[in-house]
All heavy atoms as atom14 arrays in JSON, in Angstrom:
{
  "sequence": "LQINETSYVIIVTRGHRDDMRVLKLAIATPARYIAMIGSKRKV",
  "atom14_mask": [
    [1, 1, 1, 1, 1, 1, 1, 1, 0, 0, 0, 0, 0, 0],
    [1, 1, 1, 1, 1, 1, 1, 1, 1, 0, 0, 0, 0, 0],
    [1, 1, 1, 1, 1, 1, 1, 1, 0, 0, 0, 0, 0, 0],
    [1, 1, 1, 1, 1, 1, 1, 1, 0, 0, 0, 0, 0, 0],
    [1, 1, 1, 1, 1, 1, 1, 1, 1, 0, 0, 0, 0, 0],
    [1, 1, 1, 1, 1, 1, 1, 0, 0, 0, 0, 0, 0, 0],
    [1, 1, 1, 1, 1, 1, 0, 0, 0, 0, 0, 0, 0, 0],
    [1, 1, 1, 1, 1, 1, 1, 1, 1, 1, 1, 1, 0, 0],
    [1, 1, 1, 1, 1, 1, 1, 0, 0, 0, 0, 0, 0, 0],
    [1, 1, 1, 1, 1, 1, 1, 1, 0, 0, 0, 0, 0, 0],
    [1, 1, 1, 1, 1, 1, 1, 1, 0, 0, 0, 0, 0, 0],
    [1, 1, 1, 1, 1, 1, 1, 0, 0, 0, 0, 0, 0, 0],
    [1, 1, 1, 1, 1, 1, 1, 0, 0, 0, 0, 0, 0, 0],
    [1, 1, 1, 1, 1, 1, 1, 1, 1, 1, 1, 0, 0, 0],
    [1, 1, 1, 1, 0, 0, 0, 0, 0, 0, 0, 0, 0, 0],
    [1, 1, 1, 1, 1, 1, 1, 1, 1, 1, 0, 0, 0, 0],
    [1, 1, 1, 1, 1, 1, 1, 1, 1, 1, 1, 0, 0, 0],
    [1, 1, 1, 1, 1, 1, 1, 1, 0, 0, 0, 0, 0, 0],
    [1, 1, 1, 1, 1, 1, 1, 1, 0, 0, 0, 0, 0, 0],
    [1, 1, 1, 1, 1, 1, 1, 1, 0, 0, 0, 0, 0, 0],
    [1, 1, 1, 1, 1, 1, 1, 1, 1, 1, 1, 0, 0, 0],
    [1, 1, 1, 1, 1, 1, 1, 0, 0, 0, 0, 0, 0, 0],
    [1, 1, 1, 1, 1, 1, 1, 1, 0, 0, 0, 0, 0, 0],
    [1, 1, 1, 1, 1, 1, 1, 1, 1, 0, 0, 0, 0, 0],
    [1, 1, 1, 1, 1, 1, 1, 1, 0, 0, 0, 0, 0, 0],
    [1, 1, 1, 1, 1, 0, 0, 0, 0, 0, 0, 0, 0, 0],
    [1, 1, 1, 1, 1, 1, 1, 1, 0, 0, 0, 0, 0, 0],
    [1, 1, 1, 1, 1, 0, 0, 0, 0, 0, 0, 0, 0, 0],
    [1, 1, 1, 1, 1, 1, 1, 0, 0, 0, 0, 0, 0, 0],
    [1, 1, 1, 1, 1, 1, 1, 0, 0, 0, 0, 0, 0, 0],
    [1, 1, 1, 1, 1, 0, 0, 0, 0, 0, 0, 0, 0, 0],
    [1, 1, 1, 1, 1, 1, 1, 1, 1, 1, 1, 0, 0, 0],
    [1, 1, 1, 1, 1, 1, 1, 1, 1, 1, 1, 1, 0, 0],
    [1, 1, 1, 1, 1, 1, 1, 1, 0, 0, 0, 0, 0, 0],
    [1, 1, 1, 1, 1, 0, 0, 0, 0, 0, 0, 0, 0, 0],
    [1, 1, 1, 1, 1, 1, 1, 1, 0, 0, 0, 0, 0, 0],
    [1, 1, 1, 1, 1, 1, 1, 1, 0, 0, 0, 0, 0, 0],
    [1, 1, 1, 1, 0, 0, 0, 0, 0, 0, 0, 0, 0, 0],
    [1, 1, 1, 1, 1, 1, 0, 0, 0, 0, 0, 0, 0, 0],
    [1, 1, 1, 1, 1, 1, 1, 1, 1, 0, 0, 0, 0, 0],
    [1, 1, 1, 1, 1, 1, 1, 1, 1, 1, 1, 0, 0, 0],
    [1, 1, 1, 1, 1, 1, 1, 1, 1, 0, 0, 0, 0, 0],
    [1, 1, 1, 1, 1, 1, 1, 0, 0, 0, 0, 0, 0, 0]
  ],
  "atom14_positions": [
    [[0.85, -1.18, 0.0], [0.0, 0.0, 0.0], [0.89, 1.24, 0.0], [1.92, 1.27, 0.67], [-0.9, 0.01, 1.24], [-1.86, -1.17, 1.38], [-2.6, -1.08, 2.71], [-2.84, -1.22, 0.22], [0.0, 0.0, 0.0], [0.0, 0.0, 0.0], [0.0, 0.0, 0.0], [0.0, 0.0, 0.0], [0.0, 0.0, 0.0], [0.0, 0.0, 0.0]],
    [[0.51, 2.23, -0.72], [1.3, 3.46, -0.79], [0.79, 4.44, 0.26], [0.07, 5.38, -0.04], [1.24, 4.04, -2.2], [1.88, 3.13, -3.22], [1.83, 3.71, -4.61], [1.39, 4.83, -4.83], [2.28, 2.94, -5.58], [0.0, 0.0, 0.0], [0.0, 0.0, 0.0], [0.0, 0.0, 0.0], [0.0, 0.0, 0.0], [0.0, 0.0, 0.0]],
    [[1.2, 4.19, 1.5], [0.76, 5.02, 2.61], [1.78, 6.12, 2.85], [2.97, 5.85, 3.01], [0.57, 4.17, 3.88], [-0.51, 3.12, 3.64], [0.22, 5.06, 5.08], [-0.67, 2.12, 4.74], [0.0, 0.0, 0.0], [0.0, 0.0, 0.0], [0.0, 0.0, 0.0], [0.0, 0.0, 0.0], [0.0, 0.0, 0.0], [0.0, 0.0, 0.0]],
    [[1.29, 7.36, 2.85], [2.18, 8.49, 3.1], [1.55, 9.41, 4.15], [0.54, 9.06, 4.76], [2.49, 9.24, 1.8], [1.24, 9.76, 1.13], [0.32, 10.26, 1.77], [1.18, 9.65, -0.2], [0.0, 0.0, 0.0], [0.0, 0.0, 0.0], [0.0, 0.0, 0.0], [0.0, 0.0, 0.0], [0.0, 0.0, 0.0], [0.0, 0.0, 0.0]],
    [[2.12, 10.59, 4.33], [1.65, 11.51, 5.38], [0.28, 12.12, 5.09], [-0.27, 12.82, 5.93], [2.69, 12.59, 5.67], [3.18, 13.35, 4.48], [4.21, 12.6, 3.64], [4.95, 11.76, 4.16], [4.25, 12.86, 2.43], [0.0, 0.0, 0.0], [0.0, 0.0, 0.0], [0.0, 0.0, 0.0], [0.0, 0.0, 0.0], [0.0, 0.0, 0.0]],
    [[-0.29, 11.84, 3.94], [-1.65, 12.31, 3.66], [-2.66, 11.16, 3.69], [-3.83, 11.36, 3.39], [-1.73, 13.02, 2.28], [-1.4, 12.09, 1.26], [-0.8, 14.22, 2.23], [0.0, 0.0, 0.0], [0.0, 0.0, 0.0], [0.0, 0.0, 0.0], [0.0, 0.0, 0.0], [0.0, 0.0, 0.0], [0.0, 0.0, 0.0], [0.0, 0.0, 0.0]],
    [[-2.21, 9.99, 4.08], [-3.07, 8.79, 4.12], [-3.85, 8.71, 5.43], [-3.38, 9.15, 6.48], [-2.22, 7.53, 3.98], [-1.53, 7.51, 2.76], [0.0, 0.0, 0.0], [0.0, 0.0, 0.0], [0.0, 0.0, 0.0], [0.0, 0.0, 0.0], [0.0, 0.0, 0.0], [0.0, 0.0, 0.0], [0.0, 0.0, 0.0], [0.0, 0.0, 0.0]],
    [[-5.04, 8.13, 5.32], [-5.89, 7.89, 6.47], [-6.15, 6.38, 6.52], [-6.67, 5.82, 5.57], [-7.21, 8.64, 6.34], [-7.05, 10.14, 6.5], [-6.29, 10.89, 5.62], [-7.66, 10.8, 7.56], [-6.14, 12.25, 5.77], [-7.52, 12.17, 7.72], [-6.75, 12.89, 6.82], [-6.6, 14.23, 6.99], [0.0, 0.0, 0.0], [0.0, 0.0, 0.0]],
    [[-5.77, 5.74, 7.62], [-5.9, 4.3, 7.76], [-6.94, 4.01, 8.84], [-6.82, 4.49, 9.97], [-4.54, 3.65, 8.16], [-4.7, 2.17, 8.41], [-3.49, 3.94, 7.11], [0.0, 0.0, 0.0], [0.0, 0.0, 0.0], [0.0, 0.0, 0.0], [0.0, 0.0, 0.0], [0.0, 0.0, 0.0], [0.0, 0.0, 0.0], [0.0, 0.0, 0.0]],
    [[-7.95, 3.23, 8.48], [-8.97, 2.81, 9.43], [-8.92, 1.29, 9.52], [-9.04, 0.6, 8.51], [-10.37, 3.29, 9.0], [-10.43, 4.81, 9.05], [-11.44, 2.68, 9.9], [-11.75, 5.39, 8.62], [0.0, 0.0, 0.0], [0.0, 0.0, 0.0], [0.0, 0.0, 0.0], [0.0, 0.0, 0.0], [0.0, 0.0, 0.0], [0.0, 0.0, 0.0]],
    [[-8.76, 0.8, 10.74], [-8.61, -0.64, 10.97], [-9.93, -1.22, 11.45], [-10.42, -0.86, 12.52], [-7.49, -0.91, 11.99], [-6.18, -0.32, 11.47], [-7.37, -2.41, 12.28], [-5.08, -0.24, 12.51], [0.0, 0.0, 0.0], [0.0, 0.0, 0.0], [0.0, 0.0, 0.0], [0.0, 0.0, 0.0], [0.0, 0.0, 0.0], [0.0, 0.0, 0.0]],
    [[-10.48, -2.11, 10.64], [-11.72, -2.8, 10.96], [-11.52, -4.24, 10.51], [-11.6, -4.53, 9.31], [-12.95, -2.18, 10.25], [-14.22, -2.92, 10.63], [-13.06, -0.71, 10.56], [0.0, 0.0, 0.0], [0.0, 0.0, 0.0], [0.0, 0.0, 0.0], [0.0, 0.0, 0.0], [0.0, 0.0, 0.0], [0.0, 0.0, 0.0], [0.0, 0.0, 0.0]],
    [[-11.23, -5.14, 11.44], [-11.04, -6.54, 11.09], [-12.03, -7.39, 11.89], [-12.84, -6.87, 12.64], [-9.6, -7.01, 11.39], [-9.42, -7.12, 12.8], [-8.56, -6.07, 10.79], [0.0, 0.0, 0.0], [0.0, 0.0, 0.0], [0.0, 0.0, 0.0], [0.0, 0.0, 0.0], [0.0, 0.0, 0.0], [0.0, 0.0, 0.0], [0.0, 0.0, 0.0]],
    [[-11.87, -8.69, 11.77], [-12.8, -9.6, 12.45], [-12.42, -9.91, 13.89], [-13.18, -10.54, 14.6], [-12.91, -10.91, 11.67], [-13.64, -10.73, 10.38], [-13.83, -12.06, 9.71], [-14.48, -11.86, 8.45], [-15.57, -12.5, 8.08], [-16.1, -13.39, 8.86], [-16.1, -12.26, 6.91], [0.0, 0.0, 0.0], [0.0, 0.0, 0.0], [0.0, 0.0, 0.0]],
    [[-11.21, -9.52, 14.3], [-10.84, -9.9, 15.67], [-9.63, -9.15, 16.2], [-8.91, -8.48, 15.47], [0.0, 0.0, 0.0], [0.0, 0.0, 0.0], [0.0, 0.0, 0.0], [0.0, 0.0, 0.0], [0.0, 0.0, 0.0], [0.0, 0.0, 0.0], [0.0, 0.0, 0.0], [0.0, 0.0, 0.0], [0.0, 0.0, 0.0], [0.0, 0.0, 0.0]],
    [[-9.41, -9.33, 17.5], [-8.32, -8.64, 18.21], [-6.95, -8.93, 17.59], [-6.13, -8.03, 17.44], [-8.28, -9.07, 19.68], [-9.45, -8.61, 20.48], [-10.73, -8.53, 20.0], [-9.52, -8.19, 21.76], [-11.54, -8.1, 20.94], [-10.83, -7.88, 22.02], [0.0, 0.0, 0.0], [0.0, 0.0, 0.0], [0.0, 0.0, 0.0], [0.0, 0.0, 0.0]],
    [[-6.69, -10.17, 17.3], [-5.37, -10.55, 16.75], [-5.12, -9.88, 15.41], [-4.02, -9.39, 15.15], [-5.25, -12.07, 16.61], [-5.14, -12.78, 17.91], [-3.72, -12.69, 18.45], [-3.72, -13.03, 19.86], [-2.91, -12.49, 20.75], [-2.03, -11.61, 20.39], [-2.99, -12.84, 22.01], [0.0, 0.0, 0.0], [0.0, 0.0, 0.0], [0.0, 0.0, 0.0]],
    [[-6.13, -9.86, 14.57], [-5.97, -9.2, 13.27], [-5.82, -7.69, 13.44], [-4.99, -7.06, 12.78], [-7.15, -9.52, 12.35], [-7.16, -10.97, 11.91], [-6.08, -11.61, 11.88], [-8.24, -11.48, 11.59], [0.0, 0.0, 0.0], [0.0, 0.0, 0.0], [0.0, 0.0, 0.0], [0.0, 0.0, 0.0], [0.0, 0.0, 0.0], [0.0, 0.0, 0.0]],
    [[-6.6, -7.11, 14.35], [-6.45, -5.68, 14.64], [-5.03, -5.38, 15.08], [-4.43, -4.4, 14.66], [-7.42, -5.24, 15.75], [-8.86, -5.16, 15.28], [-9.1, -5.12, 14.06], [-9.75, -5.12, 16.15], [0.0, 0.0, 0.0], [0.0, 0.0, 0.0], [0.0, 0.0, 0.0], [0.0, 0.0, 0.0], [0.0, 0.0, 0.0], [0.0, 0.0, 0.0]],
    [[-4.51, -6.23, 15.94], [-3.16, -6.03, 16.47], [-2.12, -6.11, 15.35], [-1.22, -5.28, 15.27], [-2.87, -7.08, 17.54], [-1.67, -6.77, 18.37], [-1.56, -7.74, 19.88], [-1.87, -9.39, 19.33], [0.0, 0.0, 0.0], [0.0, 0.0, 0.0], [0.0, 0.0, 0.0], [0.0, 0.0, 0.0], [0.0, 0.0, 0.0], [0.0, 0.0, 0.0]],
    [[-2.26, -7.07, 14.48], [-1.32, -7.21, 13.36], [-1.34, -5.97, 12.46], [-0.31, -5.44, 12.08], [-1.67, -8.43, 12.51], [-1.28, -9.73, 13.12], [-1.6, -10.88, 12.16], [-1.34, -12.13, 12.81], [-2.28, -12.85, 13.43], [-3.53, -12.44, 13.47], [-1.96, -13.98, 14.02], [0.0, 0.0, 0.0], [0.0, 0.0, 0.0], [0.0, 0.0, 0.0]],
    [[-2.54, -5.53, 12.11], [-2.67, -4.39, 11.2], [-2.22, -3.1, 11.9], [-1.55, -2.27, 11.29], [-4.1, -4.28, 10.66], [-4.26, -3.05, 9.79], [-4.47, -5.53, 9.86], [0.0, 0.0, 0.0], [0.0, 0.0, 0.0], [0.0, 0.0, 0.0], [0.0, 0.0, 0.0], [0.0, 0.0, 0.0], [0.0, 0.0, 0.0], [0.0, 0.0, 0.0]],
    [[-2.57, -2.93, 13.17], [-2.14, -1.73, 13.9], [-0.62, -1.67, 13.97], [-0.03, -0.6, 13.77], [-2.74, -1.7, 15.3], [-2.38, -0.48, 16.15], [-2.82, 0.82, 15.47], [-3.0, -0.59, 17.54], [0.0, 0.0, 0.0], [0.0, 0.0, 0.0], [0.0, 0.0, 0.0], [0.0, 0.0, 0.0], [0.0, 0.0, 0.0], [0.0, 0.0, 0.0]],
    [[0.01, -2.79, 14.22], [1.48, -2.82, 14.27], [2.08, -2.38, 12.93], [3.06, -1.65, 12.89], [1.96, -4.22, 14.65], [3.43, -4.3, 14.95], [3.79, -5.67, 15.48], [5.25, -5.74, 15.86], [5.6, -7.06, 16.4], [0.0, 0.0, 0.0], [0.0, 0.0, 0.0], [0.0, 0.0, 0.0], [0.0, 0.0, 0.0], [0.0, 0.0, 0.0]],
    [[1.48, -2.82, 11.85], [1.94, -2.41, 10.53], [1.65, -0.93, 10.28], [2.48, -0.2, 9.74], [1.27, -3.27, 9.45], [1.62, -4.75, 9.44], [0.65, -5.52, 8.55], [3.05, -4.97, 9.0], [0.0, 0.0, 0.0], [0.0, 0.0, 0.0], [0.0, 0.0, 0.0], [0.0, 0.0, 0.0], [0.0, 0.0, 0.0], [0.0, 0.0, 0.0]],
    [[0.47, -0.47, 10.7], [0.05, 0.91, 10.44], [0.91, 1.93, 11.18], [1.24, 2.98, 10.62], [-1.41, 1.09, 10.8], [0.0, 0.0, 0.0], [0.0, 0.0, 0.0], [0.0, 0.0, 0.0], [0.0, 0.0, 0.0], [0.0, 0.0, 0.0], [0.0, 0.0, 0.0], [0.0, 0.0, 0.0], [0.0, 0.0, 0.0], [0.0, 0.0, 0.0]],
    [[1.28, 1.64, 12.42], [2.05, 2.63, 13.18], [3.47, 2.78, 12.66], [4.13, 3.76, 13.0], [2.04, 2.36, 14.71], [2.63, 1.0, 15.03], [0.65, 2.53, 15.27], [2.74, 0.71, 16.51], [0.0, 0.0, 0.0], [0.0, 0.0, 0.0], [0.0, 0.0, 0.0], [0.0, 0.0, 0.0], [0.0, 0.0, 0.0], [0.0, 0.0, 0.0]],
    [[3.87, 1.87, 11.82], [5.2, 1.98, 11.2], [5.17, 2.85, 9.95], [6.19, 3.06, 9.31], [5.74, 0.59, 10.87], [0.0, 0.0, 0.0], [0.0, 0.0, 0.0], [0.0, 0.0, 0.0], [0.0, 0.0, 0.0], [0.0, 0.0, 0.0], [0.0, 0.0, 0.0], [0.0, 0.0, 0.0], [0.0, 0.0, 0.0], [0.0, 0.0, 0.0]],
    [[4.0, 3.38, 9.62], [3.84, 4.23, 8.43], [3.75, 5.69, 8.85], [3.49, 6.0, 10.02], [2.55, 3.87, 7.65], [1.41, 4.34, 8.4], [2.45, 2.39, 7.37], [0.0, 0.0, 0.0], [0.0, 0.0, 0.0], [0.0, 0.0, 0.0], [0.0, 0.0, 0.0], [0.0, 0.0, 0.0], [0.0, 0.0, 0.0], [0.0, 0.0, 0.0]],
    [[3.9, 6.6, 7.89], [3.75, 8.01, 8.2], [2.3, 8.51, 8.08], [2.07, 9.72, 8.01], [4.64, 8.69, 7.16], [4.54, 7.79, 5.97], [4.45, 6.39, 6.54], [0.0, 0.0, 0.0], [0.0, 0.0, 0.0], [0.0, 0.0, 0.0], [0.0, 0.0, 0.0], [0.0, 0.0, 0.0], [0.0, 0.0, 0.0], [0.0, 0.0, 0.0]],
    [[1.33, 7.59, 8.06], [-0.08, 7.98, 7.87], [-0.48, 9.12, 8.8], [-0.09, 9.14, 9.97], [-0.99, 6.77, 8.08], [0.0, 0.0, 0.0], [0.0, 0.0, 0.0], [0.0, 0.0, 0.0], [0.0, 0.0, 0.0], [0.0, 0.0, 0.0], [0.0, 0.0, 0.0], [0.0, 0.0, 0.0], [0.0, 0.0, 0.0], [0.0, 0.0, 0.0]],
    [[-1.26, 10.02, 8.28], [-1.72, 11.17, 9.06], [-2.75, 10.78, 10.1], [-2.82, 11.36, 11.18], [-2.3, 12.21, 8.11], [-2.72, 13.46, 8.82], [-3.08, 14.51, 7.83], [-3.26, 15.78, 8.51], [-3.43, 16.91, 7.88], [-3.41, 16.94, 6.56], [-3.61, 18.01, 8.55], [0.0, 0.0, 0.0], [0.0, 0.0, 0.0], [0.0, 0.0, 0.0]],
    [[-3.58, 9.81, 9.77], [-4.67, 9.38, 10.65], [-4.68, 7.87, 10.68], [-4.75, 7.22, 9.64], [-6.0, 9.92, 10.12], [-7.24, 9.52, 10.88], [-7.64, 10.23, 12.01], [-8.03, 8.46, 10.47], [-8.8, 9.88, 12.7], [-9.19, 8.11, 11.14], [-9.57, 8.82, 12.26], [-10.71, 8.48, 12.93], [0.0, 0.0, 0.0], [0.0, 0.0, 0.0]],
    [[-4.58, 7.31, 11.87], [-4.68, 5.86, 12.06], [-5.74, 5.64, 13.12], [-5.63, 6.16, 14.24], [-3.35, 5.23, 12.5], [-2.26, 5.49, 11.46], [-3.51, 3.73, 12.77], [-0.87, 5.11, 11.91], [0.0, 0.0, 0.0], [0.0, 0.0, 0.0], [0.0, 0.0, 0.0], [0.0, 0.0, 0.0], [0.0, 0.0, 0.0], [0.0, 0.0, 0.0]],
    [[-6.77, 4.89, 12.77], [-7.87, 4.66, 13.7], [-8.25, 3.18, 13.71], [-8.06, 2.48, 12.72], [-9.07, 5.5, 13.31], [0.0, 0.0, 0.0], [0.0, 0.0, 0.0], [0.0, 0.0, 0.0], [0.0, 0.0, 0.0], [0.0, 0.0, 0.0], [0.0, 0.0, 0.0], [0.0, 0.0, 0.0], [0.0, 0.0, 0.0], [0.0, 0.0, 0.0]],
    [[-8.78, 2.75, 14.84], [-9.19, 1.36, 14.98], [-10.55, 1.32, 15.68], [-10.76, 2.02, 16.67], [-8.15, 0.59, 15.8], [-8.43, -0.89, 15.91], [-7.07, -1.79, 16.71], [-7.16, -1.16, 18.37], [0.0, 0.0, 0.0], [0.0, 0.0, 0.0], [0.0, 0.0, 0.0], [0.0, 0.0, 0.0], [0.0, 0.0, 0.0], [0.0, 0.0, 0.0]],
    [[-11.44, 0.49, 15.17], [-12.76, 0.33, 15.76], [-12.64, -0.6, 16.97], [-11.7, -1.38, 17.07], [-13.76, -0.23, 14.72], [-15.19, 0.01, 15.18], [-13.49, -1.7, 14.44], [-16.22, -0.22, 14.09], [0.0, 0.0, 0.0], [0.0, 0.0, 0.0], [0.0, 0.0, 0.0], [0.0, 0.0, 0.0], [0.0, 0.0, 0.0], [0.0, 0.0, 0.0]],
    [[-13.58, -0.5, 17.87], [-13.62, -1.42, 19.0], [-13.91, -0.73, 20.31], [-13.9, 0.5, 20.4], [0.0, 0.0, 0.0], [0.0, 0.0, 0.0], [0.0, 0.0, 0.0], [0.0, 0.0, 0.0], [0.0, 0.0, 0.0], [0.0, 0.0, 0.0], [0.0, 0.0, 0.0], [0.0, 0.0, 0.0], [0.0, 0.0, 0.0], [0.0, 0.0, 0.0]],
    [[-14.15, -1.51, 21.32], [-14.41, -0.97, 22.65], [-13.1, -0.47, 23.26], [-12.0, -0.84, 22.83], [-15.0, -2.06, 23.55], [-14.01, -3.06, 23.78], [0.0, 0.0, 0.0], [0.0, 0.0, 0.0], [0.0, 0.0, 0.0], [0.0, 0.0, 0.0], [0.0, 0.0, 0.0], [0.0, 0.0, 0.0], [0.0, 0.0, 0.0], [0.0, 0.0, 0.0]],
    [[-13.22, 0.36, 24.27], [-12.02, 0.84, 24.96], [-11.25, -0.33, 25.57], [-10.03, -0.36, 25.54], [-12.39, 1.87, 26.03], [-12.79, 3.19, 25.42], [-13.08, 4.26, 26.44], [-13.44, 5.54, 25.7], [-13.69, 6.65, 26.56], [0.0, 0.0, 0.0], [0.0, 0.0, 0.0], [0.0, 0.0, 0.0], [0.0, 0.0, 0.0], [0.0, 0.0, 0.0]],
    [[-11.98, -1.3, 26.09], [-11.33, -2.49, 26.67], [-10.5, -3.23, 25.61], [-9.37, -3.61, 25.86], [-12.4, -3.41, 27.27], [-11.83, -4.6, 27.97], [-12.94, -5.38, 28.65], [-12.66, -6.78, 28.44], [-13.54, -7.74, 28.51], [-14.78, -7.47, 28.77], [-13.19, -8.97, 28.32], [0.0, 0.0, 0.0], [0.0, 0.0, 0.0], [0.0, 0.0, 0.0]],
    [[-11.09, -3.42, 24.45], [-10.38, -4.1, 23.38], [-9.14, -3.31, 22.98], [-8.05, -3.87, 22.82], [-11.28, -4.27, 22.15], [-10.56, -4.78, 20.93], [-11.47, -4.7, 19.72], [-10.67, -4.49, 18.48], [-11.47, -4.37, 17.29], [0.0, 0.0, 0.0], [0.0, 0.0, 0.0], [0.0, 0.0, 0.0], [0.0, 0.0, 0.0], [0.0, 0.0, 0.0]],
    [[-9.28, -2.0, 22.83], [-8.15, -1.15, 22.44], [-7.04, -1.25, 23.47], [-5.87, -1.42, 23.12], [-8.61, 0.31, 22.24], [-7.42, 1.23, 22.08], [-9.54, 0.4, 21.04], [0.0, 0.0, 0.0], [0.0, 0.0, 0.0], [0.0, 0.0, 0.0], [0.0, 0.0, 0.0], [0.0, 0.0, 0.0], [0.0, 0.0, 0.0], [0.0, 0.0, 0.0]]
  ]
}
């Protein structure tokens, strides 16, 4: 994916493990906005 400082990444997967995998990948990018769905407990 061509993620740069103008990219917005929204993480919506089927489960905690997948969210964790994608979030770990996303925070390594310069994306301007990184968001994840879920309860505060899950986050």
